[in-house]
Amino acid sequence: MPPGFPPQDIVGRWGLAAYHKEEDRARVEVAAAGQCKQPYIITLGPTGGVMMHLADQAKPEELRLKGAPGNRTYIGPDGEAGGAQDRLVVSFDGRVLALRYVDSEVHGRYGTMVYVRCGPEGEKRAAKPKAKPKPKQPPIQQQ
């Protein structure tokens, strides 16, 4: 079965954070966006997959996007969708990607990973306007 989206859709720079409780997701998305100073970078692999890390691995390797029944998409090494080293795509809207490890022990350690797309490298964020200083009061003169 084809995956829900092509590998090119997740190539880029991502802020990354994780949560264990669903009620923390919104807060974690904000935290992930704050990680764009040190982004997690996903590139295309040499044979059409994506370069990402497997659990507990220091070096990224080429992983595949794999479709499964129920419109599910997994990311993992070659093999059947839903394998022990795979991650289930919980959600993906083009800006936020949420992945959960299939292996319950690994999921227990890492939680649900939230990737928030960073702006183009070198993009300047709009500066917040500085508050105008209060005018100084002239000293009170005594007569």
N, C-alpha and C. Protein backbone atom coordinates (compact mmCIF):
# COMPACT_ATOMS: atom_id res chain seq x y z
N MET A 1 0.85 -1.18 0.00
CA MET A 1 0.00 0.00 0.00
C MET A 1 0.89 1.24 0.00
N PRO A 2 0.46 2.29 -0.67
CA PRO A 2 1.27 3.51 -0.67
C PRO A 2 1.12 4.25 0.67
N PRO A 3 2.18 4.97 1.08
CA PRO A 3 2.07 5.78 2.30
C PRO A 3 1.13 6.96 2.06
N GLY A 4 0.77 7.63 3.13
CA GLY A 4 -0.15 8.76 3.05
C GLY A 4 0.44 10.00 2.40
N PHE A 5 1.75 10.04 2.24
CA PHE A 5 2.43 11.18 1.63
C PHE A 5 3.80 10.72 1.16
N PRO A 6 4.40 11.43 0.20
CA PRO A 6 5.71 11.04 -0.30
C PRO A 6 6.83 11.49 0.64
N PRO A 7 7.99 10.85 0.57
CA PRO A 7 9.12 11.22 1.44
C PRO A 7 9.50 12.70 1.33
N GLN A 8 9.38 13.28 0.14
CA GLN A 8 9.76 14.68 -0.05
C GLN A 8 8.98 15.62 0.88
N ASP A 9 7.79 15.21 1.29
CA ASP A 9 6.96 16.08 2.13
C ASP A 9 7.53 16.28 3.53
N ILE A 10 8.42 15.40 3.98
CA ILE A 10 8.97 15.58 5.33
C ILE A 10 10.44 15.98 5.31
N VAL A 11 10.99 16.21 4.14
CA VAL A 11 12.37 16.69 4.04
C VAL A 11 12.41 18.13 4.53
N GLY A 12 13.40 18.45 5.35
CA GLY A 12 13.54 19.82 5.82
C GLY A 12 14.11 19.90 7.22
N ARG A 13 13.97 21.08 7.79
CA ARG A 13 14.47 21.39 9.13
C ARG A 13 13.29 21.38 10.10
N TRP A 14 13.46 20.69 11.24
CA TRP A 14 12.37 20.50 12.18
C TRP A 14 12.82 20.79 13.61
N GLY A 15 11.97 21.47 14.37
CA GLY A 15 12.13 21.54 15.81
C GLY A 15 11.54 20.25 16.37
N LEU A 16 12.15 19.70 17.42
CA LEU A 16 11.74 18.39 17.91
C LEU A 16 11.57 18.41 19.42
N ALA A 17 10.47 17.83 19.88
CA ALA A 17 10.20 17.63 21.30
C ALA A 17 9.30 16.40 21.41
N ALA A 18 9.01 15.96 22.63
CA ALA A 18 8.19 14.76 22.81
C ALA A 18 7.30 14.90 24.04
N TYR A 19 6.22 14.11 24.03
CA TYR A 19 5.32 14.09 25.18
C TYR A 19 4.89 12.65 25.47
N HIS A 20 4.45 12.45 26.71
CA HIS A 20 3.93 11.15 27.12
C HIS A 20 2.42 11.21 27.39
N LYS A 21 1.92 12.39 27.70
CA LYS A 21 0.49 12.55 27.99
C LYS A 21 -0.12 13.43 26.90
N GLU A 22 -1.24 13.00 26.35
CA GLU A 22 -1.89 13.72 25.24
C GLU A 22 -2.19 15.17 25.61
N GLU A 23 -2.51 15.42 26.87
CA GLU A 23 -2.83 16.80 27.28
C GLU A 23 -1.61 17.73 27.19
N ASP A 24 -0.41 17.18 27.06
CA ASP A 24 0.80 17.99 26.94
C ASP A 24 1.13 18.35 25.49
N ARG A 25 0.38 17.82 24.54
CA ARG A 25 0.75 17.98 23.13
C ARG A 25 0.87 19.44 22.70
N ALA A 26 -0.10 20.28 23.00
CA ALA A 26 -0.05 21.68 22.55
C ALA A 26 1.18 22.38 23.12
N ARG A 27 1.46 22.16 24.38
CA ARG A 27 2.64 22.78 25.00
C ARG A 27 3.92 22.28 24.34
N VAL A 28 3.97 21.00 24.02
CA VAL A 28 5.15 20.40 23.42
C VAL A 28 5.35 20.91 21.98
N GLU A 29 4.27 21.15 21.25
CA GLU A 29 4.41 21.73 19.91
C GLU A 29 5.10 23.09 19.97
N VAL A 30 4.73 23.89 20.95
CA VAL A 30 5.37 25.20 21.13
C VAL A 30 6.85 25.00 21.48
N ALA A 31 7.13 24.06 22.36
CA ALA A 31 8.53 23.78 22.74
C ALA A 31 9.32 23.28 21.53
N ALA A 32 8.72 22.46 20.69
CA ALA A 32 9.42 21.95 19.50
C ALA A 32 9.76 23.10 18.56
N ALA A 33 8.84 24.01 18.36
CA ALA A 33 9.10 25.16 17.49
C ALA A 33 10.28 25.97 18.02
N GLY A 34 10.44 26.02 19.34
CA GLY A 34 11.56 26.73 19.94
C GLY A 34 12.91 26.05 19.72
N GLN A 35 12.89 24.82 19.24
CA GLN A 35 14.13 24.08 19.00
C GLN A 35 14.71 24.33 17.61
N CYS A 36 14.13 25.22 16.86
CA CYS A 36 14.61 25.46 15.49
C CYS A 36 16.00 26.10 15.46
N LYS A 37 16.49 26.56 16.59
CA LYS A 37 17.87 27.06 16.64
C LYS A 37 18.85 25.91 16.42
N GLN A 38 18.44 24.71 16.79
CA GLN A 38 19.23 23.50 16.60
C GLN A 38 18.31 22.45 15.98
N PRO A 39 17.98 22.60 14.70
CA PRO A 39 16.96 21.75 14.10
C PRO A 39 17.40 20.32 13.87
N TYR A 40 16.41 19.45 13.84
CA TYR A 40 16.60 18.07 13.40
C TYR A 40 16.39 18.13 11.89
N ILE A 41 17.35 17.64 11.12
CA ILE A 41 17.29 17.77 9.67
C ILE A 41 16.98 16.41 9.04
N ILE A 42 15.93 16.39 8.22
CA ILE A 42 15.55 15.19 7.48
C ILE A 42 15.88 15.45 6.01
N THR A 43 16.66 14.56 5.42
CA THR A 43 17.02 14.67 4.01
C THR A 43 16.53 13.43 3.27
N LEU A 44 16.54 13.52 1.94
CA LEU A 44 16.22 12.35 1.14
C LEU A 44 17.40 11.39 1.18
N GLY A 45 17.11 10.11 1.24
CA GLY A 45 18.15 9.09 1.20
C GLY A 45 18.56 8.79 -0.23
N PRO A 46 19.64 8.07 -0.40
CA PRO A 46 20.16 7.79 -1.74
C PRO A 46 19.24 6.91 -2.60
N THR A 47 18.31 6.17 -1.99
CA THR A 47 17.43 5.31 -2.78
C THR A 47 15.95 5.67 -2.63
N GLY A 48 15.67 6.92 -2.25
CA GLY A 48 14.29 7.38 -2.21
C GLY A 48 13.61 7.39 -0.86
N GLY A 49 14.31 6.96 0.18
CA GLY A 49 13.75 7.03 1.53
C GLY A 49 14.11 8.36 2.17
N VAL A 50 14.06 8.42 3.48
CA VAL A 50 14.46 9.61 4.22
C VAL A 50 15.54 9.24 5.24
N MET A 51 16.45 10.15 5.48
CA MET A 51 17.52 9.91 6.45
C MET A 51 17.06 10.41 7.82
N MET A 52 16.89 9.44 8.73
CA MET A 52 16.48 9.73 10.10
C MET A 52 17.16 8.72 11.02
N HIS A 53 17.10 9.00 12.32
CA HIS A 53 17.68 8.09 13.31
C HIS A 53 16.66 7.04 13.73
N LEU A 54 17.13 5.84 13.93
CA LEU A 54 16.34 4.82 14.61
C LEU A 54 16.53 5.02 16.11
N ALA A 55 15.69 4.43 16.91
CA ALA A 55 15.81 4.55 18.36
C ALA A 55 17.20 4.11 18.82
N ASP A 56 17.81 4.89 19.68
CA ASP A 56 19.09 4.57 20.32
C ASP A 56 20.26 4.48 19.34
N GLN A 57 20.14 5.04 18.16
CA GLN A 57 21.23 5.02 17.18
C GLN A 57 21.81 6.42 17.01
N ALA A 58 23.13 6.52 16.97
CA ALA A 58 23.80 7.81 16.85
C ALA A 58 23.81 8.34 15.42
N LYS A 59 23.82 7.42 14.44
CA LYS A 59 23.89 7.84 13.04
C LYS A 59 22.54 7.65 12.36
N PRO A 60 22.16 8.63 11.53
CA PRO A 60 20.92 8.43 10.78
C PRO A 60 21.10 7.36 9.71
N GLU A 61 20.02 6.73 9.34
CA GLU A 61 20.06 5.77 8.23
C GLU A 61 18.81 5.96 7.39
N GLU A 62 18.83 5.38 6.22
CA GLU A 62 17.71 5.56 5.31
C GLU A 62 16.53 4.73 5.77
N LEU A 63 15.40 5.40 5.96
CA LEU A 63 14.16 4.77 6.37
C LEU A 63 13.12 4.94 5.27
N ARG A 64 12.14 4.10 5.28
CA ARG A 64 11.08 4.09 4.27
C ARG A 64 9.76 4.58 4.85
N LEU A 65 8.97 5.23 4.02
CA LEU A 65 7.59 5.51 4.36
C LEU A 65 6.79 4.35 3.81
N LYS A 66 5.97 3.73 4.68
CA LYS A 66 5.26 2.51 4.32
C LYS A 66 3.77 2.66 4.63
N GLY A 67 2.96 2.36 3.65
CA GLY A 67 1.52 2.41 3.85
C GLY A 67 1.02 1.12 4.47
N ALA A 68 -0.10 1.22 5.18
CA ALA A 68 -0.70 0.06 5.82
C ALA A 68 -2.23 0.23 5.81
N PRO A 69 -2.97 -0.86 6.03
CA PRO A 69 -4.43 -0.76 6.06
C PRO A 69 -4.90 0.30 7.05
N GLY A 70 -6.06 0.86 6.76
CA GLY A 70 -6.62 1.89 7.63
C GLY A 70 -6.00 3.25 7.37
N ASN A 71 -5.43 3.45 6.19
CA ASN A 71 -4.76 4.71 5.84
C ASN A 71 -3.65 5.08 6.81
N ARG A 72 -2.98 4.08 7.34
CA ARG A 72 -1.86 4.33 8.25
C ARG A 72 -0.57 4.43 7.46
N THR A 73 0.34 5.25 8.00
CA THR A 73 1.67 5.39 7.41
C THR A 73 2.69 5.16 8.51
N TYR A 74 3.72 4.39 8.19
CA TYR A 74 4.81 4.11 9.11
C TYR A 74 6.11 4.60 8.49
N ILE A 75 7.07 4.92 9.35
CA ILE A 75 8.42 5.25 8.91
C ILE A 75 9.36 4.29 9.61
N GLY A 76 10.17 3.57 8.82
CA GLY A 76 11.08 2.61 9.43
C GLY A 76 11.96 1.96 8.38
N PRO A 77 12.78 1.01 8.83
CA PRO A 77 13.67 0.31 7.89
C PRO A 77 12.87 -0.57 6.94
N ASP A 78 13.54 -1.07 5.90
CA ASP A 78 12.88 -1.97 4.95
C ASP A 78 12.17 -3.08 5.70
N GLY A 79 11.05 -3.53 5.16
CA GLY A 79 10.29 -4.60 5.78
C GLY A 79 8.82 -4.23 5.82
N GLU A 80 8.05 -5.10 6.43
CA GLU A 80 6.62 -4.88 6.54
C GLU A 80 6.31 -3.64 7.38
N ALA A 81 5.24 -2.95 7.02
CA ALA A 81 4.78 -1.81 7.80
C ALA A 81 4.35 -2.27 9.20
N GLY A 82 4.71 -1.49 10.20
CA GLY A 82 4.33 -1.82 11.57
C GLY A 82 5.33 -2.68 12.29
N GLY A 83 6.56 -2.81 11.74
CA GLY A 83 7.60 -3.58 12.39
C GLY A 83 8.06 -2.95 13.70
N ALA A 84 8.80 -3.71 14.49
CA ALA A 84 9.22 -3.26 15.82
C ALA A 84 10.02 -1.96 15.81
N GLN A 85 10.78 -1.68 14.75
CA GLN A 85 11.59 -0.46 14.70
C GLN A 85 10.86 0.70 14.02
N ASP A 86 9.64 0.47 13.57
CA ASP A 86 8.88 1.50 12.87
C ASP A 86 8.29 2.52 13.83
N ARG A 87 7.97 3.67 13.25
CA ARG A 87 7.20 4.69 13.94
C ARG A 87 5.90 4.90 13.17
N LEU A 88 4.80 4.95 13.88
CA LEU A 88 3.50 5.23 13.29
C LEU A 88 3.36 6.74 13.15
N VAL A 89 2.90 7.19 11.98
CA VAL A 89 2.60 8.60 11.81
C VAL A 89 1.24 8.84 12.47
N VAL A 90 1.26 9.49 13.63
CA VAL A 90 0.04 9.79 14.38
C VAL A 90 -0.74 10.87 13.66
N SER A 91 -0.01 11.90 13.19
CA SER A 91 -0.64 12.97 12.42
C SER A 91 0.44 13.71 11.62
N PHE A 92 0.01 14.31 10.52
CA PHE A 92 0.90 15.12 9.70
C PHE A 92 0.04 16.07 8.88
N ASP A 93 0.27 17.37 9.08
CA ASP A 93 -0.50 18.37 8.34
C ASP A 93 0.38 19.24 7.44
N GLY A 94 1.63 18.84 7.26
CA GLY A 94 2.56 19.63 6.47
C GLY A 94 3.44 20.52 7.33
N ARG A 95 2.95 20.91 8.49
CA ARG A 95 3.71 21.76 9.40
C ARG A 95 4.11 21.03 10.68
N VAL A 96 3.26 20.16 11.16
CA VAL A 96 3.52 19.39 12.38
C VAL A 96 3.41 17.91 12.06
N LEU A 97 4.46 17.17 12.45
CA LEU A 97 4.52 15.72 12.24
C LEU A 97 4.63 15.07 13.61
N ALA A 98 3.72 14.17 13.94
CA ALA A 98 3.77 13.45 15.22
C ALA A 98 3.98 11.97 14.93
N LEU A 99 5.00 11.39 15.58
CA LEU A 99 5.37 9.98 15.36
C LEU A 99 5.41 9.25 16.70
N ARG A 100 4.93 8.00 16.70
CA ARG A 100 4.96 7.17 17.91
C ARG A 100 5.63 5.84 17.56
N TYR A 101 6.61 5.45 18.34
CA TYR A 101 7.29 4.16 18.12
C TYR A 101 6.30 3.02 18.32
N VAL A 102 6.38 2.02 17.44
CA VAL A 102 5.53 0.83 17.53
C VAL A 102 5.89 0.01 18.77
N ASP A 103 7.18 -0.19 19.01
CA ASP A 103 7.65 -0.97 20.16
C ASP A 103 7.27 -0.23 21.44
N SER A 104 6.48 -0.88 22.29
CA SER A 104 5.97 -0.21 23.50
C SER A 104 7.08 0.19 24.47
N GLU A 105 8.14 -0.60 24.55
CA GLU A 105 9.25 -0.25 25.45
C GLU A 105 9.95 1.02 24.95
N VAL A 106 10.18 1.10 23.66
CA VAL A 106 10.83 2.28 23.07
C VAL A 106 9.89 3.49 23.19
N HIS A 107 8.61 3.27 22.92
CA HIS A 107 7.64 4.36 23.07
C HIS A 107 7.61 4.87 24.51
N GLY A 108 7.73 3.96 25.46
CA GLY A 108 7.75 4.36 26.87
C GLY A 108 8.92 5.27 27.21
N ARG A 109 10.04 5.07 26.54
CA ARG A 109 11.22 5.92 26.78
C ARG A 109 11.16 7.24 26.03
N TYR A 110 10.73 7.19 24.77
CA TYR A 110 10.77 8.38 23.92
C TYR A 110 9.46 9.16 23.87
N GLY A 111 8.35 8.51 24.14
CA GLY A 111 7.06 9.19 24.03
C GLY A 111 6.69 9.43 22.58
N THR A 112 5.73 10.28 22.37
CA THR A 112 5.31 10.66 21.02
C THR A 112 6.17 11.84 20.59
N MET A 113 6.87 11.66 19.49
CA MET A 113 7.78 12.69 18.99
C MET A 113 6.99 13.70 18.16
N VAL A 114 7.21 14.97 18.43
CA VAL A 114 6.54 16.04 17.69
C VAL A 114 7.60 16.85 16.96
N TYR A 115 7.47 16.90 15.65
CA TYR A 115 8.37 17.67 14.79
C TYR A 115 7.57 18.86 14.27
N VAL A 116 8.10 20.07 14.45
CA VAL A 116 7.45 21.28 13.95
C VAL A 116 8.38 21.89 12.91
N ARG A 117 7.85 22.11 11.71
CA ARG A 117 8.67 22.61 10.60
C ARG A 117 9.23 23.99 10.93
N CYS A 118 10.53 24.15 10.70
CA CYS A 118 11.21 25.43 10.89
C CYS A 118 11.12 26.23 9.60
N GLY A 119 11.22 27.54 9.72
CA GLY A 119 11.25 28.40 8.54
C GLY A 119 12.54 28.18 7.78
N PRO A 120 12.65 28.75 6.58
CA PRO A 120 13.89 28.59 5.80
C PRO A 120 15.10 29.07 6.60
N GLU A 121 16.22 28.40 6.37
CA GLU A 121 17.44 28.77 7.08
C GLU A 121 17.76 30.22 6.81
N GLY A 122 18.10 30.95 7.87
CA GLY A 122 18.44 32.35 7.73
C GLY A 122 17.23 33.26 7.77
N GLU A 123 16.03 32.69 7.81
CA GLU A 123 14.84 33.52 7.86
C GLU A 123 14.81 34.27 9.17
N LYS A 124 14.55 35.54 9.07
CA LYS A 124 14.48 36.36 10.28
C LYS A 124 13.04 36.41 10.74
N ARG A 125 12.86 36.20 12.01
CA ARG A 125 11.53 36.33 12.57
C ARG A 125 11.25 37.80 12.80
N ALA A 126 10.00 38.16 12.68
CA ALA A 126 9.64 39.56 12.92
C ALA A 126 9.97 39.91 14.36
N ALA A 127 10.67 41.00 14.51
CA ALA A 127 11.06 41.44 15.84
C ALA A 127 9.84 42.00 16.57
N LYS A 128 9.77 41.71 17.84
CA LYS A 128 8.70 42.27 18.63
C LYS A 128 8.97 43.76 18.82
N PRO A 129 7.95 44.60 18.72
CA PRO A 129 8.21 46.02 18.92
C PRO A 129 8.65 46.27 20.36
N LYS A 130 9.63 47.12 20.48
CA LYS A 130 10.12 47.43 21.82
C LYS A 130 9.16 48.39 22.49
N ALA A 131 8.99 48.19 23.77
CA ALA A 131 8.12 49.08 24.53
C ALA A 131 8.79 50.45 24.62
N LYS A 132 7.99 51.48 24.44
CA LYS A 132 8.54 52.83 24.52
C LYS A 132 8.81 53.14 25.99
N PRO A 133 9.97 53.73 26.26
CA PRO A 133 10.25 54.07 27.66
C PRO A 133 9.30 55.17 28.11
N LYS A 134 8.95 55.10 29.38
CA LYS A 134 8.07 56.12 29.93
C LYS A 134 8.85 57.43 29.99
N PRO A 135 8.17 58.53 29.66
CA PRO A 135 8.89 59.81 29.74
C PRO A 135 9.26 60.09 31.19
N LYS A 136 10.46 60.64 31.34
CA LYS A 136 10.90 60.96 32.70
C LYS A 136 10.18 62.20 33.18
N GLN A 137 9.79 62.13 34.42
CA GLN A 137 9.14 63.28 35.04
C GLN A 137 10.23 64.27 35.46
N PRO A 138 10.01 65.54 35.20
CA PRO A 138 11.02 66.50 35.68
C PRO A 138 11.02 66.49 37.21
N PRO A 139 12.18 66.75 37.78
CA PRO A 139 12.24 66.74 39.24
C PRO A 139 11.33 67.82 39.83
N ILE A 140 10.75 67.49 40.95
CA ILE A 140 9.87 68.44 41.62
C ILE A 140 10.75 69.51 42.27
N GLN A 141 10.41 70.73 41.97
CA GLN A 141 11.19 71.83 42.54
C GLN A 141 10.43 72.39 43.73
N GLN A 142 11.14 72.55 44.77
CA GLN A 142 10.53 73.10 45.98
C GLN A 142 10.74 74.59 46.00
N GLN A 143 9.74 75.28 46.47
CA GLN A 143 9.86 76.76 46.54
C GLN A 143 10.13 77.20 47.93
